[in-house]
Amino acid sequence: MPVTVEPAVSTLGPEPREDIAGSPVSAPAVAAPAQKRARTPSRERTIGTRVTGQPAFVLHSYPYKETSLIVDMLTRDYGRVALIAKGAKRPHSQLRGVLQTFQPLSASWTGKNELRTLTDAEWVGGMLPLEKTALLCGFYLNELLVKLLARDDAHPALFNHYVSTLNQLAHQEPAPIVLRKFERALLKETGVAADLTHCTGTRQKVKAGQVYVVDPERGPRPEQAADTWPRVNGKTLLDMEREDYQDTATQAQSKQLMRFLLAHHLGGAPLNTRQILIDLSQL
């Protein structure tokens, strides 16, 4: 995948009731409880179809007409959004040097359709750049988000996990462990991750010394002779649920399991960056 580096609250009172003779009698008026207006952060406001100062990262961008870009962004409170960056390819555009991947931005846009117009983007800073293998891992994260995350579906916790993952990669923490944690968090946030501590159907607890397979749609069950899905130890499943990847067997089996689960939820769509990382024996 190419990645460009460059309430309704009713104001009506209760319905009229009838007295014994059948004549309507108005119910006594009940004062509506006072509602406090939600306080918005000083750097972020939403006015109609305008959003300003939203924390964001560029996931992917591609050319649009002669001088513009369409930018796929991950935002904290609006999820993944598509924005037109008008004139961003012009040499003197203020957006040209700002719309870089893996850099924290403060983004503003207008519009209520699926494709909105980017009006401003400012570099926030405070993160180390990704280099070498960490950079490829970053592109892998972005490709996963673009292909698995629906647009306009907010996931603040996943946004925070993304920021944390980039920081861990930038500080050269073990990439396989960092990626396994993010993959699992992504499947949980999108609602397709099964509980790995109990067997599907029986709801019996997973036992560390038993071997299992994981149904992508239902969860773990004991292995059967005819199974072609990856076999994993119960200990691996329990380790993954508590995010403990120190055991080398857990690292190896979780890699194969997550590769299988992601392929299922991607519907067979290939991950270009994954293949590169596999070739480098990093994923």
Protein backbone atom coordinates (compact mmCIF):
# COMPACT_ATOMS: atom_id res chain seq x y z
CA MET A 1 0.00 0.00 0.00
CA PRO A 2 1.59 3.26 -1.01
CA VAL A 3 2.03 5.72 1.78
CA THR A 4 3.04 9.28 1.00
CA VAL A 5 5.69 10.54 3.31
CA GLU A 6 5.43 13.95 2.47
CA PRO A 7 -29.99 14.99 22.20
CA ALA A 8 -32.98 14.99 21.37
CA VAL A 9 -34.76 16.00 24.60
CA SER A 10 -38.51 16.53 24.42
CA THR A 11 -39.66 19.97 25.54
CA LEU A 12 -43.24 18.81 25.87
CA GLY A 13 -44.74 18.18 29.32
CA PRO A 14 -46.56 14.98 30.27
CA GLU A 15 -49.53 14.03 28.11
CA PRO A 16 -52.99 15.25 29.34
CA ARG A 17 -54.85 12.79 31.54
CA GLU A 18 -58.62 12.41 31.92
CA ASP A 19 -60.71 12.91 35.08
CA ILE A 20 -63.43 10.45 36.15
CA ALA A 21 -65.98 12.10 33.81
CA GLY A 22 -63.66 11.70 30.89
CA SER A 23 -62.76 15.39 30.51
CA PRO A 24 -59.14 16.06 29.84
CA VAL A 25 -57.22 17.50 32.75
CA SER A 26 -53.81 18.99 32.22
CA ALA A 27 -51.06 17.46 34.27
CA PRO A 28 -49.12 19.84 36.47
CA ALA A 29 -46.12 21.30 34.75
CA VAL A 30 -42.84 19.71 35.68
CA ALA A 31 -39.74 21.77 35.32
CA ALA A 32 -37.10 20.13 33.21
CA PRO A 33 -33.88 19.49 35.11
CA ALA A 34 -31.13 21.92 34.33
CA GLN A 35 -28.49 20.45 32.09
CA LYS A 36 -24.90 21.51 32.29
CA ARG A 37 -23.33 22.37 29.01
CA ALA A 38 -20.43 20.13 28.17
CA ARG A 39 -17.15 21.93 28.48
CA THR A 40 -14.97 21.69 25.43
CA PRO A 41 -11.18 21.73 25.52
CA SER A 42 -9.63 25.10 24.83
CA ARG A 43 -7.83 23.89 21.70
CA GLU A 44 -10.73 21.94 20.27
CA ARG A 45 -14.24 23.07 19.30
CA THR A 46 -17.02 21.71 17.14
CA ILE A 47 -19.26 24.32 15.50
CA GLY A 48 -21.85 22.81 13.19
CA THR A 49 -19.78 20.98 10.61
CA ARG A 50 -16.48 22.56 11.64
CA VAL A 51 -13.93 20.79 13.82
CA THR A 52 -10.84 22.56 15.12
CA GLY A 53 -7.76 21.48 17.03
CA GLN A 54 -8.37 17.72 16.85
CA PRO A 55 -5.41 15.45 17.77
CA ALA A 56 -4.58 13.43 14.67
CA PHE A 57 -2.04 11.38 12.74
CA VAL A 58 -1.68 10.90 8.99
CA LEU A 59 -2.20 7.25 8.07
CA HIS A 60 -2.03 7.51 4.29
CA SER A 61 -2.29 10.10 1.53
CA TYR A 62 -2.51 10.09 -2.24
CA PRO A 63 -2.71 12.72 -5.01
CA TYR A 64 -6.00 14.43 -5.82
CA LYS A 65 -6.17 16.43 -9.03
CA GLU A 66 -3.05 18.46 -9.79
CA THR A 67 -2.20 20.24 -6.56
CA SER A 68 -4.13 18.54 -3.77
CA LEU A 69 -4.05 15.42 -1.62
CA ILE A 70 -6.64 13.14 -0.07
CA VAL A 71 -5.40 12.40 3.44
CA ASP A 72 -6.58 9.49 5.58
CA MET A 73 -6.22 10.56 9.22
CA LEU A 74 -6.64 8.80 12.55
CA THR A 75 -8.20 11.27 14.99
CA ARG A 76 -8.84 10.92 18.70
CA ASP A 77 -12.56 11.79 18.84
CA TYR A 78 -13.77 11.19 15.27
CA GLY A 79 -11.92 8.02 14.34
CA ARG A 80 -10.59 7.58 10.83
CA VAL A 81 -11.55 10.47 8.55
CA ALA A 82 -10.83 11.32 4.91
CA LEU A 83 -9.88 14.92 4.18
CA ILE A 84 -9.05 16.90 1.05
CA ALA A 85 -5.90 18.94 1.57
CA LYS A 86 -6.34 21.58 -1.12
CA GLY A 87 -3.13 22.86 -2.64
CA ALA A 88 -0.98 20.69 -0.38
CA LYS A 89 1.28 19.72 -3.30
CA ARG A 90 2.15 23.31 -4.15
CA PRO A 91 5.75 24.25 -3.32
CA HIS A 92 4.83 27.02 -0.88
CA SER A 93 1.84 25.32 0.76
CA GLN A 94 1.90 25.45 4.57
CA LEU A 95 0.50 21.92 4.60
CA ARG A 96 3.22 20.44 2.41
CA GLY A 97 5.76 19.89 5.17
CA VAL A 98 3.24 19.17 7.93
CA LEU A 99 1.29 16.20 6.57
CA GLN A 100 3.88 13.60 7.50
CA THR A 101 3.19 10.13 8.90
CA PHE A 102 3.95 9.30 12.55
CA GLN A 103 3.95 12.96 13.60
CA PRO A 104 1.33 14.23 16.10
CA LEU A 105 -0.84 16.93 14.54
CA SER A 106 -3.61 19.32 15.53
CA ALA A 107 -6.06 19.14 12.61
CA SER A 108 -9.06 21.27 11.64
CA TRP A 109 -11.64 20.60 8.93
CA THR A 110 -15.09 21.50 7.62
CA GLY A 111 -17.85 19.49 5.96
CA LYS A 112 -20.34 16.82 6.89
CA ASN A 113 -19.94 14.41 3.99
CA GLU A 114 -17.63 11.42 4.05
CA LEU A 115 -14.94 13.49 2.33
CA ARG A 116 -14.31 16.74 4.20
CA THR A 117 -11.97 19.67 3.63
CA LEU A 118 -8.84 20.07 5.72
CA THR A 119 -8.52 23.74 6.72
CA ASP A 120 -5.47 23.61 8.97
CA ALA A 121 -2.89 21.23 10.36
CA GLU A 122 -0.23 22.09 12.90
CA TRP A 123 2.69 19.99 14.03
CA VAL A 124 2.46 19.32 17.78
CA GLY A 125 5.78 17.57 18.30
CA GLY A 126 7.00 15.64 21.30
CA MET A 127 7.69 12.29 19.60
CA LEU A 128 10.88 10.73 18.34
CA PRO A 129 10.97 9.81 14.63
CA LEU A 130 10.77 6.18 13.57
CA GLU A 131 13.82 4.75 11.88
CA LYS A 132 14.83 1.57 10.07
CA THR A 133 12.73 -1.46 11.12
CA ALA A 134 10.64 0.69 13.48
CA LEU A 135 9.60 2.78 10.46
CA LEU A 136 8.40 -0.31 8.58
CA CYS A 137 6.51 -1.40 11.70
CA GLY A 138 4.84 2.02 11.77
CA PHE A 139 3.68 1.61 8.17
CA TYR A 140 2.34 -1.83 9.14
CA LEU A 141 0.26 -0.25 11.93
CA ASN A 142 -1.12 2.33 9.50
CA GLU A 143 -2.03 -0.32 6.92
CA LEU A 144 -3.88 -2.33 9.57
CA LEU A 145 -5.86 0.74 10.64
CA VAL A 146 -6.76 1.71 7.07
CA LYS A 147 -7.96 -1.79 6.20
CA LEU A 148 -9.68 -2.79 9.46
CA LEU A 149 -11.02 0.45 10.94
CA ALA A 150 -14.30 1.84 9.58
CA ARG A 151 -14.43 5.56 8.87
CA ASP A 152 -16.10 7.97 11.31
CA ASP A 153 -16.07 5.41 14.13
CA ALA A 154 -14.37 6.96 17.15
CA HIS A 155 -11.97 4.85 19.21
CA PRO A 156 -10.21 7.15 21.71
CA ALA A 157 -8.64 4.21 23.55
CA LEU A 158 -7.22 2.83 20.29
CA PHE A 159 -5.88 6.28 19.40
CA ASN A 160 -4.03 6.38 22.71
CA HIS A 161 -2.74 2.86 22.14
CA TYR A 162 -1.46 3.92 18.72
CA VAL A 163 0.46 6.83 20.27
CA SER A 164 1.91 4.53 22.92
CA THR A 165 2.91 1.97 20.28
CA LEU A 166 4.73 4.57 18.18
CA ASN A 167 6.61 5.72 21.25
CA GLN A 168 7.62 2.16 22.12
CA LEU A 169 8.86 1.53 18.58
CA ALA A 170 10.78 4.82 18.57
CA HIS A 171 12.49 3.78 21.80
CA GLN A 172 13.49 0.46 20.21
CA GLU A 173 11.37 -1.80 22.39
CA PRO A 174 11.04 -5.36 20.94
CA ALA A 175 8.95 -4.92 17.79
CA PRO A 176 7.26 -8.38 17.78
CA ILE A 177 5.91 -7.88 21.31
CA VAL A 178 4.83 -4.29 20.63
CA LEU A 179 3.03 -5.34 17.44
CA ARG A 180 1.25 -8.31 19.07
CA LYS A 181 -0.18 -6.01 21.74
CA PHE A 182 -1.41 -3.50 19.15
CA GLU A 183 -2.95 -6.18 16.91
CA ARG A 184 -4.88 -7.59 19.85
CA ALA A 185 -6.00 -4.10 20.95
CA LEU A 186 -7.21 -3.35 17.40
CA LEU A 187 -9.33 -6.51 17.23
CA LYS A 188 -10.78 -5.76 20.67
CA GLU A 189 -11.68 -2.18 19.72
CA THR A 190 -13.36 -3.28 16.50
CA GLY A 191 -15.39 -5.89 18.40
CA VAL A 192 -14.04 -9.07 16.80
CA ALA A 193 -11.62 -10.30 19.48
CA ALA A 194 -12.82 -13.32 21.45
CA ASP A 195 -12.12 -13.94 25.13
CA LEU A 196 -9.06 -16.18 25.15
CA THR A 197 -9.53 -17.37 28.75
CA HIS A 198 -12.68 -19.47 28.16
CA CYS A 199 -13.66 -22.08 25.58
CA THR A 200 -16.41 -21.24 23.14
CA GLY A 201 -19.64 -23.16 23.70
CA THR A 202 -18.75 -24.83 27.00
CA ARG A 203 -17.35 -21.66 28.65
CA GLN A 204 -14.86 -23.84 30.48
CA LYS A 205 -11.67 -22.11 31.51
CA VAL A 206 -8.69 -22.50 29.22
CA LYS A 207 -6.05 -24.74 30.81
CA ALA A 208 -2.40 -23.83 30.44
CA GLY A 209 -1.33 -27.42 29.70
CA GLN A 210 -3.90 -28.16 26.98
CA VAL A 211 -3.70 -27.47 23.24
CA TYR A 212 -6.35 -25.36 21.50
CA VAL A 213 -7.37 -23.80 18.21
CA VAL A 214 -9.11 -20.42 17.98
CA ASP A 215 -12.25 -20.01 15.89
CA PRO A 216 -11.95 -16.46 14.47
CA GLU A 217 -15.67 -15.84 15.00
CA ARG A 218 -16.20 -17.62 18.33
CA GLY A 219 -12.99 -18.17 20.27
CA PRO A 220 -10.88 -21.04 21.64
CA ARG A 221 -11.80 -24.72 21.74
CA PRO A 222 -9.77 -27.89 22.32
CA GLU A 223 -7.91 -29.10 19.24
CA GLN A 224 -9.25 -31.90 17.07
CA ALA A 225 -7.32 -34.23 14.80
CA ALA A 226 -8.83 -32.74 11.62
CA ASP A 227 -8.06 -29.12 12.53
CA THR A 228 -6.01 -27.10 10.06
CA TRP A 229 -6.01 -23.91 12.13
CA PRO A 230 -2.91 -22.97 14.14
CA ARG A 231 -2.55 -24.97 17.34
CA VAL A 232 -1.63 -23.00 20.43
CA ASN A 233 -0.95 -23.92 24.02
CA GLY A 234 -3.43 -22.80 26.64
CA LYS A 235 -0.58 -20.94 28.31
CA THR A 236 -0.10 -18.86 25.15
CA LEU A 237 -3.77 -17.84 25.15
CA LEU A 238 -3.64 -16.90 28.82
CA ASP A 239 -0.40 -14.98 28.30
CA MET A 240 -1.91 -13.04 25.38
CA GLU A 241 -4.98 -12.09 27.41
CA ARG A 242 -2.77 -10.56 30.12
CA GLU A 243 -0.29 -9.11 27.58
CA ASP A 244 2.64 -11.19 28.83
CA TYR A 245 4.90 -12.10 25.93
CA GLN A 246 8.11 -12.92 27.77
CA ASP A 247 7.91 -16.66 27.03
CA THR A 248 9.55 -17.50 23.69
CA ALA A 249 6.88 -20.13 22.93
CA THR A 250 4.19 -17.50 23.53
CA GLN A 251 5.95 -15.14 21.15
CA ALA A 252 6.16 -17.75 18.37
CA GLN A 253 2.62 -19.13 18.76
CA SER A 254 0.99 -15.69 19.17
CA LYS A 255 2.65 -14.57 15.93
CA GLN A 256 1.12 -17.46 13.97
CA LEU A 257 -2.26 -17.05 15.68
CA MET A 258 -2.50 -13.31 15.04
CA ARG A 259 -1.43 -13.77 11.42
CA PHE A 260 -4.29 -16.29 11.02
CA LEU A 261 -6.90 -14.10 12.79
CA LEU A 262 -5.96 -10.94 10.91
CA ALA A 263 -6.09 -12.74 7.56
CA HIS A 264 -9.62 -13.91 8.39
CA HIS A 265 -10.88 -10.47 9.40
CA LEU A 266 -9.21 -8.87 6.39
CA GLY A 267 -11.13 -11.23 4.13
CA GLY A 268 -7.96 -12.39 2.45
CA ALA A 269 -6.74 -8.90 1.54
CA PRO A 270 -2.93 -8.88 1.63
CA LEU A 271 -0.87 -6.71 3.94
CA ASN A 272 2.02 -5.34 1.92
CA THR A 273 4.09 -4.15 4.85
CA ARG A 274 3.60 -7.46 6.68
CA GLN A 275 5.19 -9.31 3.80
CA ILE A 276 8.18 -7.00 3.87
CA LEU A 277 8.57 -7.54 7.60
CA ILE A 278 8.16 -11.30 7.23
CA ASP A 279 10.95 -11.23 4.69
CA LEU A 280 13.05 -9.41 7.26
CA SER A 281 12.08 -12.01 9.91
CA GLN A 282 10.70 -9.30 12.14
CA LEU A 283 6.98 -10.16 12.12
